[in-house]
Amino acid sequence: MHRNIKEGARRFRETHFEADKELFEKLGEGQNPRIMFVTCSDSRINPYLITNSKPGDLFVVRNAGNIIPRYDAAGGAEAAAVELAVLELKVENIIICAHSGCGAMTVLFDDEARKEMPLVDKWLDQAESTRHNIEHLCAKYDCDDKVVAAAKENALQQIENLRTHPCVAKAESEGHLILTACYYNIPTGEIFAYMPDTGHFELLE
């Protein structure tokens, strides 16, 4: 095991665990998160840090490109996590959080890179509608702007994918569940949430 992990585990026990010992003892009895937080596997994102949350607050799912496959294409880890979060934990909010500089969204438009990574290529088929929409609407954008637009569009597409899951559709229609698309700008620390009323991602103040 890498020495950084070993040293980090020791420091965790001596500092964070001791400082919040009562919290961790309570968490040992079970979890009761109110939010499911779906984000990218990107190493620069720490869901608890950027939302100022504590252990137990978030039910986190991470993968390349923060993708939730449609129900008819599901059957994997993401679909199982959605069912667990909605039916067992009864979360009140599912957040899809995209981010700046997303490698998955960059590769989405790079046919050569996708040929070299067949498993990534197959996974990104789940975001093909995002690619199609961005190529159509943002054809004149440069590469960086296209990736930003794709990340935001992809977050919105994953919200629609979530709605194909029966448990999500039912909970949302009954008013028990809110679905939110967000965009995290890494170099500024800003988080933007999509506002259906305006049709724009707006800064969370």
N, C-alpha and C. Protein backbone atom coordinates (compact mmCIF):
# COMPACT_ATOMS: atom_id res chain seq x y z
N MET A 1 0.85 -1.21 0.00
CA MET A 1 0.00 0.00 0.00
C MET A 1 0.87 1.25 0.00
N HIS A 2 0.42 2.27 -0.72
CA HIS A 2 1.19 3.50 -0.83
C HIS A 2 1.35 4.15 0.55
N ARG A 3 2.55 4.66 0.81
CA ARG A 3 2.84 5.24 2.13
C ARG A 3 1.94 6.43 2.45
N ASN A 4 1.48 7.16 1.42
CA ASN A 4 0.59 8.30 1.69
C ASN A 4 -0.73 7.84 2.29
N ILE A 5 -1.23 6.67 1.83
CA ILE A 5 -2.48 6.15 2.37
C ILE A 5 -2.28 5.69 3.81
N LYS A 6 -1.17 5.00 4.07
CA LYS A 6 -0.89 4.52 5.42
C LYS A 6 -0.75 5.69 6.40
N GLU A 7 -0.03 6.72 5.98
CA GLU A 7 0.15 7.88 6.84
C GLU A 7 -1.17 8.65 7.00
N GLY A 8 -1.94 8.73 5.91
CA GLY A 8 -3.22 9.41 5.98
C GLY A 8 -4.18 8.71 6.92
N ALA A 9 -4.20 7.37 6.91
CA ALA A 9 -5.07 6.61 7.80
C ALA A 9 -4.70 6.86 9.26
N ARG A 10 -3.40 6.92 9.52
CA ARG A 10 -2.95 7.18 10.90
C ARG A 10 -3.37 8.58 11.35
N ARG A 11 -3.18 9.55 10.49
CA ARG A 11 -3.53 10.93 10.86
C ARG A 11 -5.04 11.08 11.03
N PHE A 12 -5.81 10.37 10.19
CA PHE A 12 -7.26 10.42 10.34
C PHE A 12 -7.68 9.95 11.74
N ARG A 13 -7.16 8.82 12.17
CA ARG A 13 -7.53 8.30 13.50
C ARG A 13 -7.14 9.27 14.61
N GLU A 14 -5.97 9.90 14.45
CA GLU A 14 -5.45 10.75 15.52
C GLU A 14 -6.07 12.14 15.54
N THR A 15 -6.60 12.58 14.40
CA THR A 15 -7.13 13.95 14.34
C THR A 15 -8.63 13.97 14.09
N HIS A 16 -9.06 13.72 12.85
CA HIS A 16 -10.46 13.85 12.49
C HIS A 16 -11.36 12.90 13.30
N PHE A 17 -10.93 11.66 13.45
CA PHE A 17 -11.76 10.70 14.18
C PHE A 17 -11.90 11.12 15.64
N GLU A 18 -10.82 11.48 16.26
CA GLU A 18 -10.87 11.88 17.67
C GLU A 18 -11.70 13.14 17.86
N ALA A 19 -11.61 14.06 16.90
CA ALA A 19 -12.35 15.32 17.00
C ALA A 19 -13.85 15.11 16.86
N ASP A 20 -14.26 14.10 16.07
CA ASP A 20 -15.68 13.84 15.82
C ASP A 20 -16.07 12.42 16.25
N LYS A 21 -15.52 11.99 17.35
CA LYS A 21 -15.71 10.60 17.77
C LYS A 21 -17.18 10.25 17.96
N GLU A 22 -17.94 11.16 18.53
CA GLU A 22 -19.37 10.90 18.74
C GLU A 22 -20.11 10.74 17.41
N LEU A 23 -19.74 11.55 16.42
CA LEU A 23 -20.37 11.45 15.11
C LEU A 23 -20.10 10.08 14.50
N PHE A 24 -18.85 9.63 14.55
CA PHE A 24 -18.51 8.34 13.95
C PHE A 24 -19.15 7.18 14.70
N GLU A 25 -19.29 7.30 16.01
CA GLU A 25 -19.97 6.26 16.76
C GLU A 25 -21.44 6.17 16.35
N LYS A 26 -22.06 7.33 16.12
CA LYS A 26 -23.45 7.36 15.66
C LYS A 26 -23.57 6.78 14.25
N LEU A 27 -22.61 7.11 13.38
CA LEU A 27 -22.62 6.59 12.02
C LEU A 27 -22.44 5.08 12.00
N GLY A 28 -21.79 4.56 13.02
CA GLY A 28 -21.61 3.11 13.12
C GLY A 28 -22.93 2.37 13.28
N GLU A 29 -23.97 3.09 13.68
CA GLU A 29 -25.30 2.48 13.87
C GLU A 29 -26.12 2.46 12.60
N GLY A 30 -25.68 3.23 11.56
CA GLY A 30 -26.42 3.26 10.29
C GLY A 30 -26.29 4.62 9.62
N GLN A 31 -26.82 4.70 8.42
CA GLN A 31 -26.75 5.95 7.66
C GLN A 31 -28.14 6.49 7.36
N ASN A 32 -28.21 7.81 7.22
CA ASN A 32 -29.48 8.46 6.90
C ASN A 32 -29.23 9.72 6.07
N PRO A 33 -28.54 9.57 4.92
CA PRO A 33 -28.28 10.74 4.08
C PRO A 33 -29.55 11.25 3.44
N ARG A 34 -29.64 12.56 3.25
CA ARG A 34 -30.80 13.15 2.59
C ARG A 34 -30.52 13.44 1.12
N ILE A 35 -29.25 13.32 0.72
CA ILE A 35 -28.85 13.70 -0.63
C ILE A 35 -28.03 12.59 -1.28
N MET A 36 -28.38 12.26 -2.52
CA MET A 36 -27.54 11.41 -3.36
C MET A 36 -26.75 12.34 -4.27
N PHE A 37 -25.44 12.22 -4.25
CA PHE A 37 -24.56 13.13 -4.99
C PHE A 37 -23.79 12.32 -6.03
N VAL A 38 -24.10 12.57 -7.31
CA VAL A 38 -23.47 11.85 -8.41
C VAL A 38 -22.47 12.78 -9.08
N THR A 39 -21.21 12.38 -9.10
CA THR A 39 -20.20 13.24 -9.72
C THR A 39 -19.15 12.39 -10.41
N CYS A 40 -18.18 13.06 -11.00
CA CYS A 40 -17.14 12.39 -11.79
C CYS A 40 -16.09 11.77 -10.87
N SER A 41 -15.36 10.80 -11.41
CA SER A 41 -14.27 10.16 -10.68
C SER A 41 -13.03 11.05 -10.61
N ASP A 42 -13.05 12.18 -11.26
CA ASP A 42 -11.91 13.10 -11.32
C ASP A 42 -11.31 13.32 -9.93
N SER A 43 -9.99 13.20 -9.84
CA SER A 43 -9.30 13.28 -8.55
C SER A 43 -9.37 14.66 -7.91
N ARG A 44 -9.76 15.67 -8.67
CA ARG A 44 -9.78 17.04 -8.13
C ARG A 44 -11.08 17.38 -7.41
N ILE A 45 -12.02 16.44 -7.41
CA ILE A 45 -13.33 16.71 -6.82
C ILE A 45 -13.48 15.95 -5.50
N ASN A 46 -13.80 16.68 -4.46
CA ASN A 46 -14.12 16.08 -3.16
C ASN A 46 -15.53 16.53 -2.80
N PRO A 47 -16.54 15.67 -2.99
CA PRO A 47 -17.94 16.07 -2.77
C PRO A 47 -18.19 16.65 -1.38
N TYR A 48 -17.56 16.07 -0.37
CA TYR A 48 -17.79 16.57 0.99
C TYR A 48 -17.16 17.94 1.20
N LEU A 49 -16.00 18.14 0.59
CA LEU A 49 -15.31 19.42 0.75
C LEU A 49 -16.06 20.54 0.06
N ILE A 50 -16.47 20.34 -1.20
CA ILE A 50 -17.06 21.44 -1.97
C ILE A 50 -18.49 21.74 -1.53
N THR A 51 -19.12 20.83 -0.78
CA THR A 51 -20.46 21.10 -0.26
C THR A 51 -20.46 21.35 1.25
N ASN A 52 -19.26 21.38 1.82
CA ASN A 52 -19.12 21.60 3.27
C ASN A 52 -19.99 20.62 4.05
N SER A 53 -19.94 19.35 3.65
CA SER A 53 -20.74 18.31 4.29
C SER A 53 -19.89 17.45 5.22
N LYS A 54 -20.56 16.70 6.08
CA LYS A 54 -19.89 15.79 7.00
C LYS A 54 -20.16 14.34 6.58
N PRO A 55 -19.34 13.40 7.05
CA PRO A 55 -19.61 12.00 6.78
C PRO A 55 -21.05 11.65 7.18
N GLY A 56 -21.73 10.93 6.30
CA GLY A 56 -23.12 10.57 6.56
C GLY A 56 -24.12 11.48 5.89
N ASP A 57 -23.68 12.64 5.39
CA ASP A 57 -24.61 13.59 4.77
C ASP A 57 -24.93 13.25 3.31
N LEU A 58 -23.97 12.63 2.62
CA LEU A 58 -24.12 12.39 1.19
C LEU A 58 -24.00 10.90 0.87
N PHE A 59 -24.87 10.44 -0.03
CA PHE A 59 -24.75 9.10 -0.61
C PHE A 59 -24.11 9.32 -1.97
N VAL A 60 -22.83 8.96 -2.11
CA VAL A 60 -22.04 9.39 -3.26
C VAL A 60 -21.86 8.27 -4.29
N VAL A 61 -22.07 8.63 -5.55
CA VAL A 61 -21.79 7.75 -6.68
C VAL A 61 -20.83 8.49 -7.60
N ARG A 62 -19.74 7.83 -7.99
CA ARG A 62 -18.76 8.47 -8.85
C ARG A 62 -18.41 7.55 -10.01
N ASN A 63 -18.29 8.14 -11.18
CA ASN A 63 -17.79 7.41 -12.35
C ASN A 63 -17.30 8.41 -13.39
N ALA A 64 -16.69 7.92 -14.44
CA ALA A 64 -16.18 8.79 -15.49
C ALA A 64 -17.34 9.50 -16.18
N GLY A 65 -17.40 10.81 -16.00
CA GLY A 65 -18.43 11.60 -16.67
C GLY A 65 -19.74 11.73 -15.92
N ASN A 66 -19.77 11.33 -14.63
CA ASN A 66 -20.99 11.42 -13.81
C ASN A 66 -22.24 10.98 -14.59
N ILE A 67 -22.18 9.76 -15.10
CA ILE A 67 -23.23 9.23 -15.96
C ILE A 67 -24.14 8.27 -15.19
N ILE A 68 -25.44 8.42 -15.39
CA ILE A 68 -26.43 7.46 -14.91
C ILE A 68 -27.14 6.90 -16.15
N PRO A 69 -26.85 5.65 -16.51
CA PRO A 69 -27.49 5.09 -17.71
C PRO A 69 -29.01 5.07 -17.58
N ARG A 70 -29.68 5.14 -18.71
CA ARG A 70 -31.13 5.01 -18.73
C ARG A 70 -31.52 3.65 -18.16
N TYR A 71 -32.74 3.57 -17.67
CA TYR A 71 -33.20 2.34 -17.02
C TYR A 71 -33.15 1.15 -17.98
N ASP A 72 -33.49 1.38 -19.25
CA ASP A 72 -33.50 0.27 -20.21
C ASP A 72 -32.10 -0.17 -20.61
N ALA A 73 -31.08 0.61 -20.24
CA ALA A 73 -29.69 0.24 -20.51
C ALA A 73 -28.95 -0.05 -19.22
N ALA A 74 -29.68 -0.06 -18.13
CA ALA A 74 -29.06 -0.17 -16.82
C ALA A 74 -28.87 -1.62 -16.39
N GLY A 75 -28.75 -1.82 -15.10
CA GLY A 75 -28.52 -3.15 -14.56
C GLY A 75 -27.19 -3.22 -13.84
N GLY A 76 -26.42 -2.12 -13.86
CA GLY A 76 -25.12 -2.09 -13.23
C GLY A 76 -25.13 -1.38 -11.90
N ALA A 77 -23.95 -0.94 -11.50
CA ALA A 77 -23.77 -0.34 -10.18
C ALA A 77 -24.59 0.94 -10.01
N GLU A 78 -24.67 1.75 -11.07
CA GLU A 78 -25.39 3.01 -10.95
C GLU A 78 -26.88 2.79 -10.70
N ALA A 79 -27.47 1.86 -11.44
CA ALA A 79 -28.90 1.58 -11.26
C ALA A 79 -29.18 1.03 -9.87
N ALA A 80 -28.30 0.17 -9.38
CA ALA A 80 -28.48 -0.39 -8.04
C ALA A 80 -28.37 0.70 -6.99
N ALA A 81 -27.43 1.62 -7.18
CA ALA A 81 -27.25 2.72 -6.23
C ALA A 81 -28.47 3.63 -6.21
N VAL A 82 -29.05 3.89 -7.39
CA VAL A 82 -30.25 4.73 -7.47
C VAL A 82 -31.39 4.08 -6.69
N GLU A 83 -31.63 2.80 -6.91
CA GLU A 83 -32.71 2.11 -6.19
C GLU A 83 -32.48 2.13 -4.69
N LEU A 84 -31.25 1.87 -4.28
CA LEU A 84 -30.94 1.87 -2.85
C LEU A 84 -31.18 3.25 -2.24
N ALA A 85 -30.74 4.29 -2.95
CA ALA A 85 -30.88 5.65 -2.44
C ALA A 85 -32.34 6.07 -2.33
N VAL A 86 -33.12 5.75 -3.35
CA VAL A 86 -34.51 6.22 -3.41
C VAL A 86 -35.45 5.35 -2.58
N LEU A 87 -35.32 4.04 -2.70
CA LEU A 87 -36.28 3.14 -2.04
C LEU A 87 -35.90 2.79 -0.61
N GLU A 88 -34.62 2.61 -0.34
CA GLU A 88 -34.19 2.22 1.00
C GLU A 88 -33.85 3.43 1.87
N LEU A 89 -33.01 4.32 1.34
CA LEU A 89 -32.58 5.48 2.12
C LEU A 89 -33.55 6.65 2.03
N LYS A 90 -34.38 6.64 0.99
CA LYS A 90 -35.39 7.68 0.79
C LYS A 90 -34.77 9.07 0.78
N VAL A 91 -33.76 9.23 -0.06
CA VAL A 91 -33.14 10.55 -0.19
C VAL A 91 -34.15 11.55 -0.75
N GLU A 92 -33.95 12.81 -0.44
CA GLU A 92 -34.86 13.86 -0.85
C GLU A 92 -34.38 14.61 -2.09
N ASN A 93 -33.10 14.46 -2.42
CA ASN A 93 -32.52 15.21 -3.54
C ASN A 93 -31.45 14.34 -4.20
N ILE A 94 -31.47 14.27 -5.52
CA ILE A 94 -30.38 13.67 -6.28
C ILE A 94 -29.72 14.78 -7.08
N ILE A 95 -28.43 14.95 -6.88
CA ILE A 95 -27.66 15.99 -7.56
C ILE A 95 -26.70 15.34 -8.54
N ILE A 96 -26.76 15.77 -9.79
CA ILE A 96 -25.76 15.38 -10.78
C ILE A 96 -24.80 16.55 -10.90
N CYS A 97 -23.55 16.35 -10.50
CA CYS A 97 -22.58 17.45 -10.48
C CYS A 97 -21.48 17.23 -11.52
N ALA A 98 -21.55 17.99 -12.61
CA ALA A 98 -20.50 17.99 -13.62
C ALA A 98 -19.40 18.95 -13.19
N HIS A 99 -18.33 19.05 -13.99
CA HIS A 99 -17.24 19.93 -13.56
C HIS A 99 -16.42 20.41 -14.75
N SER A 100 -15.63 21.42 -14.51
CA SER A 100 -14.77 21.99 -15.55
C SER A 100 -13.62 21.03 -15.85
N GLY A 101 -13.11 21.12 -17.08
CA GLY A 101 -11.96 20.31 -17.47
C GLY A 101 -12.20 18.82 -17.40
N CYS A 102 -13.42 18.38 -17.67
CA CYS A 102 -13.77 16.97 -17.53
C CYS A 102 -13.10 16.13 -18.62
N GLY A 103 -12.28 15.17 -18.21
CA GLY A 103 -11.59 14.32 -19.16
C GLY A 103 -12.56 13.47 -19.99
N ALA A 104 -13.63 13.00 -19.35
CA ALA A 104 -14.61 12.18 -20.07
C ALA A 104 -15.27 12.98 -21.18
N MET A 105 -15.60 14.24 -20.89
CA MET A 105 -16.23 15.07 -21.91
C MET A 105 -15.24 15.45 -23.01
N THR A 106 -13.96 15.55 -22.69
CA THR A 106 -12.95 15.81 -23.70
C THR A 106 -12.83 14.61 -24.64
N VAL A 107 -12.76 13.42 -24.06
CA VAL A 107 -12.62 12.19 -24.85
C VAL A 107 -13.88 11.93 -25.68
N LEU A 108 -15.03 12.42 -25.19
CA LEU A 108 -16.29 12.23 -25.90
C LEU A 108 -16.20 12.71 -27.35
N PHE A 109 -15.40 13.76 -27.58
CA PHE A 109 -15.28 14.34 -28.92
C PHE A 109 -13.99 13.91 -29.64
N ASP A 110 -13.21 13.04 -29.00
CA ASP A 110 -11.91 12.63 -29.55
C ASP A 110 -12.00 11.20 -30.05
N ASP A 111 -12.27 11.02 -31.32
CA ASP A 111 -12.47 9.69 -31.88
C ASP A 111 -11.21 8.83 -31.78
N GLU A 112 -10.04 9.44 -31.93
CA GLU A 112 -8.80 8.67 -31.84
C GLU A 112 -8.58 8.14 -30.43
N ALA A 113 -8.83 8.98 -29.45
CA ALA A 113 -8.67 8.55 -28.06
C ALA A 113 -9.65 7.44 -27.73
N ARG A 114 -10.84 7.53 -28.24
CA ARG A 114 -11.86 6.50 -27.97
C ARG A 114 -11.47 5.16 -28.59
N LYS A 115 -10.79 5.19 -29.73
CA LYS A 115 -10.33 3.95 -30.35
C LYS A 115 -9.29 3.25 -29.48
N GLU A 116 -8.49 4.05 -28.77
CA GLU A 116 -7.43 3.49 -27.92
C GLU A 116 -7.97 2.97 -26.59
N MET A 117 -9.18 3.40 -26.23
CA MET A 117 -9.78 3.00 -24.95
C MET A 117 -11.17 2.42 -25.20
N PRO A 118 -11.25 1.17 -25.63
CA PRO A 118 -12.54 0.60 -26.02
C PRO A 118 -13.57 0.55 -24.91
N LEU A 119 -13.15 0.35 -23.68
CA LEU A 119 -14.11 0.31 -22.58
C LEU A 119 -14.65 1.71 -22.28
N VAL A 120 -13.78 2.70 -22.37
CA VAL A 120 -14.22 4.09 -22.21
C VAL A 120 -15.16 4.46 -23.35
N ASP A 121 -14.81 4.04 -24.55
CA ASP A 121 -15.65 4.31 -25.72
C ASP A 121 -17.05 3.75 -25.53
N LYS A 122 -17.13 2.51 -25.05
CA LYS A 122 -18.43 1.88 -24.82
C LYS A 122 -19.20 2.62 -23.73
N TRP A 123 -18.52 3.01 -22.67
CA TRP A 123 -19.17 3.73 -21.58
C TRP A 123 -19.72 5.07 -22.06
N LEU A 124 -18.94 5.77 -22.90
CA LEU A 124 -19.35 7.09 -23.37
C LEU A 124 -20.48 7.03 -24.39
N ASP A 125 -20.81 5.83 -24.86
CA ASP A 125 -22.02 5.70 -25.68
C ASP A 125 -23.24 6.21 -24.92
N GLN A 126 -23.17 6.14 -23.57
CA GLN A 126 -24.27 6.63 -22.74
C GLN A 126 -24.43 8.14 -22.84
N ALA A 127 -23.39 8.81 -23.34
CA ALA A 127 -23.43 10.28 -23.47
C ALA A 127 -23.50 10.72 -24.93
N GLU A 128 -23.90 9.82 -25.81
CA GLU A 128 -23.92 10.13 -27.23
C GLU A 128 -24.90 11.26 -27.55
N SER A 129 -26.01 11.31 -26.83
CA SER A 129 -26.97 12.40 -27.07
C SER A 129 -26.35 13.75 -26.72
N THR A 130 -25.50 13.77 -25.70
CA THR A 130 -24.79 15.01 -25.34
C THR A 130 -23.88 15.43 -26.48
N ARG A 131 -23.12 14.47 -26.99
CA ARG A 131 -22.22 14.78 -28.12
C ARG A 131 -23.00 15.32 -29.31
N HIS A 132 -24.09 14.68 -29.62
CA HIS A 132 -24.89 15.10 -30.78
C HIS A 132 -25.42 16.52 -30.58
N ASN A 133 -25.96 16.80 -29.41
CA ASN A 133 -26.52 18.13 -29.15
C ASN A 133 -25.46 19.22 -29.21
N ILE A 134 -24.29 18.95 -28.63
CA ILE A 134 -23.23 19.96 -28.60
C ILE A 134 -22.65 20.18 -29.99
N GLU A 135 -22.45 19.10 -30.74
CA GLU A 135 -21.94 19.24 -32.11
C GLU A 135 -22.91 20.07 -32.96
N HIS A 136 -24.19 19.95 -32.69
CA HIS A 136 -25.21 20.69 -33.45
C HIS A 136 -25.31 22.14 -33.00
N LEU A 137 -25.32 22.35 -31.67
CA LEU A 137 -25.58 23.70 -31.14
C LEU A 137 -24.32 24.54 -30.99
N CYS A 138 -23.17 23.87 -30.81
CA CYS A 138 -21.93 24.59 -30.48
C CYS A 138 -20.82 24.28 -31.48
N ALA A 139 -21.17 24.12 -32.73
CA ALA A 139 -20.20 23.73 -33.76
C ALA A 139 -19.04 24.72 -33.88
N LYS A 140 -19.29 26.00 -33.62
CA LYS A 140 -18.26 27.01 -33.78
C LYS A 140 -17.44 27.26 -32.51
N TYR A 141 -17.75 26.55 -31.43
CA TYR A 141 -17.01 26.72 -30.17
C TYR A 141 -15.60 26.15 -30.32
N ASP A 142 -14.63 26.74 -29.58
CA ASP A 142 -13.32 26.10 -29.53
C ASP A 142 -13.39 24.91 -28.58
N CYS A 143 -12.32 24.15 -28.49
CA CYS A 143 -12.34 22.89 -27.75
C CYS A 143 -12.72 23.08 -26.29
N ASP A 144 -12.10 24.06 -25.62
CA ASP A 144 -12.36 24.27 -24.19
C ASP A 144 -13.82 24.65 -23.95
N ASP A 145 -14.34 25.57 -24.76
CA ASP A 145 -15.73 25.99 -24.59
C ASP A 145 -16.69 24.85 -24.87
N LYS A 146 -16.31 24.00 -25.82
CA LYS A 146 -17.16 22.86 -26.15
C LYS A 146 -17.23 21.87 -24.99
N VAL A 147 -16.10 21.68 -24.31
CA VAL A 147 -16.06 20.77 -23.15
C VAL A 147 -16.93 21.32 -22.01
N VAL A 148 -16.87 22.63 -21.79
CA VAL A 148 -17.71 23.25 -20.75
C VAL A 148 -19.18 23.06 -21.09
N ALA A 149 -19.53 23.35 -22.33
CA ALA A 149 -20.93 23.20 -22.76
C ALA A 149 -21.37 21.75 -22.66
N ALA A 150 -20.48 20.83 -23.02
CA ALA A 150 -20.81 19.41 -22.96
C ALA A 150 -21.01 18.95 -21.53
N ALA A 151 -20.19 19.41 -20.62
CA ALA A 151 -20.33 19.02 -19.21
C ALA A 151 -21.69 19.43 -18.67
N LYS A 152 -22.10 20.64 -18.98
CA LYS A 152 -23.40 21.14 -18.51
C LYS A 152 -24.55 20.38 -19.19
N GLU A 153 -24.44 20.21 -20.49
CA GLU A 153 -25.47 19.48 -21.22
C GLU A 153 -25.57 18.05 -20.73
N ASN A 154 -24.44 17.44 -20.44
CA ASN A 154 -24.42 16.06 -19.97
C ASN A 154 -25.10 15.93 -18.61
N ALA A 155 -24.88 16.91 -17.73
CA ALA A 155 -25.55 16.88 -16.42
C ALA A 155 -27.06 16.90 -16.60
N LEU A 156 -27.53 17.73 -17.52
CA LEU A 156 -28.97 17.79 -17.79
C LEU A 156 -29.48 16.48 -18.38
N GLN A 157 -28.67 15.87 -19.25
CA GLN A 157 -29.07 14.61 -19.86
C GLN A 157 -29.18 13.50 -18.81
N GLN A 158 -28.29 13.53 -17.83
CA GLN A 158 -28.35 12.50 -16.78
C GLN A 158 -29.58 12.67 -15.89
N ILE A 159 -30.05 13.89 -15.74
CA ILE A 159 -31.31 14.11 -15.03
C ILE A 159 -32.45 13.42 -15.78
N GLU A 160 -32.45 13.56 -17.11
CA GLU A 160 -33.48 12.89 -17.90
C GLU A 160 -33.33 11.37 -17.84
N ASN A 161 -32.10 10.89 -17.82
CA ASN A 161 -31.88 9.45 -17.66
C ASN A 161 -32.42 8.95 -16.33
N LEU A 162 -32.21 9.73 -15.28
CA LEU A 162 -32.73 9.36 -13.97
C LEU A 162 -34.24 9.18 -14.01
N ARG A 163 -34.91 10.03 -14.74
CA ARG A 163 -36.38 9.98 -14.79
C ARG A 163 -36.90 8.74 -15.49
N THR A 164 -36.03 8.00 -16.19
CA THR A 164 -36.47 6.74 -16.80
C THR A 164 -36.49 5.61 -15.78
N HIS A 165 -35.91 5.82 -14.60
CA HIS A 165 -35.91 4.81 -13.55
C HIS A 165 -37.25 4.89 -12.81
N PRO A 166 -38.02 3.84 -12.77
CA PRO A 166 -39.36 3.88 -12.18
C PRO A 166 -39.40 4.44 -10.76
N CYS A 167 -38.45 4.06 -9.92
CA CYS A 167 -38.49 4.54 -8.53
C CYS A 167 -38.28 6.05 -8.47
N VAL A 168 -37.45 6.57 -9.36
CA VAL A 168 -37.20 8.02 -9.40
C VAL A 168 -38.43 8.76 -9.92
N ALA A 169 -39.00 8.26 -11.01
CA ALA A 169 -40.19 8.90 -11.59
C ALA A 169 -41.33 8.95 -10.59
N LYS A 170 -41.51 7.87 -9.85
CA LYS A 170 -42.59 7.81 -8.86
C LYS A 170 -42.34 8.79 -7.72
N ALA A 171 -41.14 8.77 -7.17
CA ALA A 171 -40.82 9.65 -6.04
C ALA A 171 -40.90 11.12 -6.44
N GLU A 172 -40.45 11.45 -7.65
CA GLU A 172 -40.51 12.84 -8.10
C GLU A 172 -41.96 13.27 -8.32
N SER A 173 -42.76 12.41 -8.93
CA SER A 173 -44.15 12.77 -9.21
C SER A 173 -44.96 12.95 -7.93
N GLU A 174 -44.57 12.25 -6.88
CA GLU A 174 -45.26 12.36 -5.59
C GLU A 174 -44.73 13.50 -4.73
N GLY A 175 -43.70 14.19 -5.24
CA GLY A 175 -43.15 15.33 -4.52
C GLY A 175 -42.17 14.97 -3.42
N HIS A 176 -41.65 13.74 -3.46
CA HIS A 176 -40.71 13.30 -2.43
C HIS A 176 -39.26 13.46 -2.85
N LEU A 177 -39.02 13.80 -4.11
CA LEU A 177 -37.65 13.81 -4.63
C LEU A 177 -37.45 14.99 -5.58
N ILE A 178 -36.32 15.67 -5.41
CA ILE A 178 -35.93 16.78 -6.28
C ILE A 178 -34.66 16.39 -7.02
N LEU A 179 -34.64 16.62 -8.33
CA LEU A 179 -33.48 16.32 -9.16
C LEU A 179 -32.81 17.63 -9.57
N THR A 180 -31.49 17.71 -9.38
CA THR A 180 -30.78 18.96 -9.63
C THR A 180 -29.51 18.70 -10.43
N ALA A 181 -29.28 19.49 -11.47
CA ALA A 181 -28.04 19.45 -12.24
C ALA A 181 -27.15 20.59 -11.80
N CYS A 182 -25.88 20.29 -11.52
CA CYS A 182 -24.93 21.31 -11.08
C CYS A 182 -23.65 21.26 -11.91
N TYR A 183 -22.91 22.35 -11.84
CA TYR A 183 -21.62 22.44 -12.53
C TYR A 183 -20.62 23.08 -11.58
N TYR A 184 -19.52 22.38 -11.33
CA TYR A 184 -18.47 22.86 -10.43
C TYR A 184 -17.29 23.36 -11.23
N ASN A 185 -16.95 24.65 -11.06
CA ASN A 185 -15.81 25.25 -11.75
C ASN A 185 -14.58 25.14 -10.84
N ILE A 186 -13.70 24.23 -11.14
CA ILE A 186 -12.58 23.90 -10.25
C ILE A 186 -11.69 25.10 -9.92
N PRO A 187 -11.22 25.88 -10.91
CA PRO A 187 -10.27 26.95 -10.57
C PRO A 187 -10.86 28.12 -9.78
N THR A 188 -12.18 28.25 -9.75
CA THR A 188 -12.78 29.36 -9.00
C THR A 188 -13.51 28.88 -7.74
N GLY A 189 -13.76 27.58 -7.64
CA GLY A 189 -14.48 27.05 -6.49
C GLY A 189 -15.97 27.32 -6.54
N GLU A 190 -16.47 27.79 -7.66
CA GLU A 190 -17.89 28.14 -7.78
C GLU A 190 -18.72 26.93 -8.22
N ILE A 191 -19.92 26.83 -7.67
CA ILE A 191 -20.87 25.80 -8.07
C ILE A 191 -22.11 26.48 -8.62
N PHE A 192 -22.52 26.02 -9.79
CA PHE A 192 -23.69 26.56 -10.46
C PHE A 192 -24.77 25.49 -10.53
N ALA A 193 -26.01 25.87 -10.31
CA ALA A 193 -27.13 24.94 -10.39
C ALA A 193 -28.06 25.37 -11.52
N TYR A 194 -28.57 24.39 -12.24
CA TYR A 194 -29.48 24.68 -13.34
C TYR A 194 -30.84 25.09 -12.79
N MET A 195 -31.34 26.23 -13.27
CA MET A 195 -32.63 26.75 -12.86
C MET A 195 -33.64 26.59 -14.00
N PRO A 196 -34.57 25.68 -13.89
CA PRO A 196 -35.54 25.45 -14.98
C PRO A 196 -36.30 26.72 -15.37
N ASP A 197 -36.53 27.60 -14.39
CA ASP A 197 -37.30 28.82 -14.69
C ASP A 197 -36.57 29.73 -15.67
N THR A 198 -35.24 29.77 -15.59
CA THR A 198 -34.46 30.65 -16.45
C THR A 198 -33.78 29.90 -17.60
N GLY A 199 -33.65 28.59 -17.44
CA GLY A 199 -32.94 27.81 -18.45
C GLY A 199 -31.45 27.99 -18.44
N HIS A 200 -30.91 28.45 -17.30
CA HIS A 200 -29.47 28.71 -17.19
C HIS A 200 -28.91 28.09 -15.91
N PHE A 201 -27.60 27.84 -15.91
CA PHE A 201 -26.89 27.48 -14.69
C PHE A 201 -26.54 28.76 -13.95
N GLU A 202 -27.00 28.87 -12.72
CA GLU A 202 -26.78 30.09 -11.95
C GLU A 202 -25.97 29.80 -10.70
N LEU A 203 -25.12 30.76 -10.33
CA LEU A 203 -24.21 30.60 -9.19
C LEU A 203 -24.98 30.41 -7.90
N LEU A 204 -24.58 29.40 -7.13
CA LEU A 204 -25.16 29.20 -5.81
C LEU A 204 -24.51 30.16 -4.83
N GLU A 205 -25.27 31.05 -4.28
CA GLU A 205 -24.75 32.05 -3.33
C GLU A 205 -25.00 31.56 -1.91
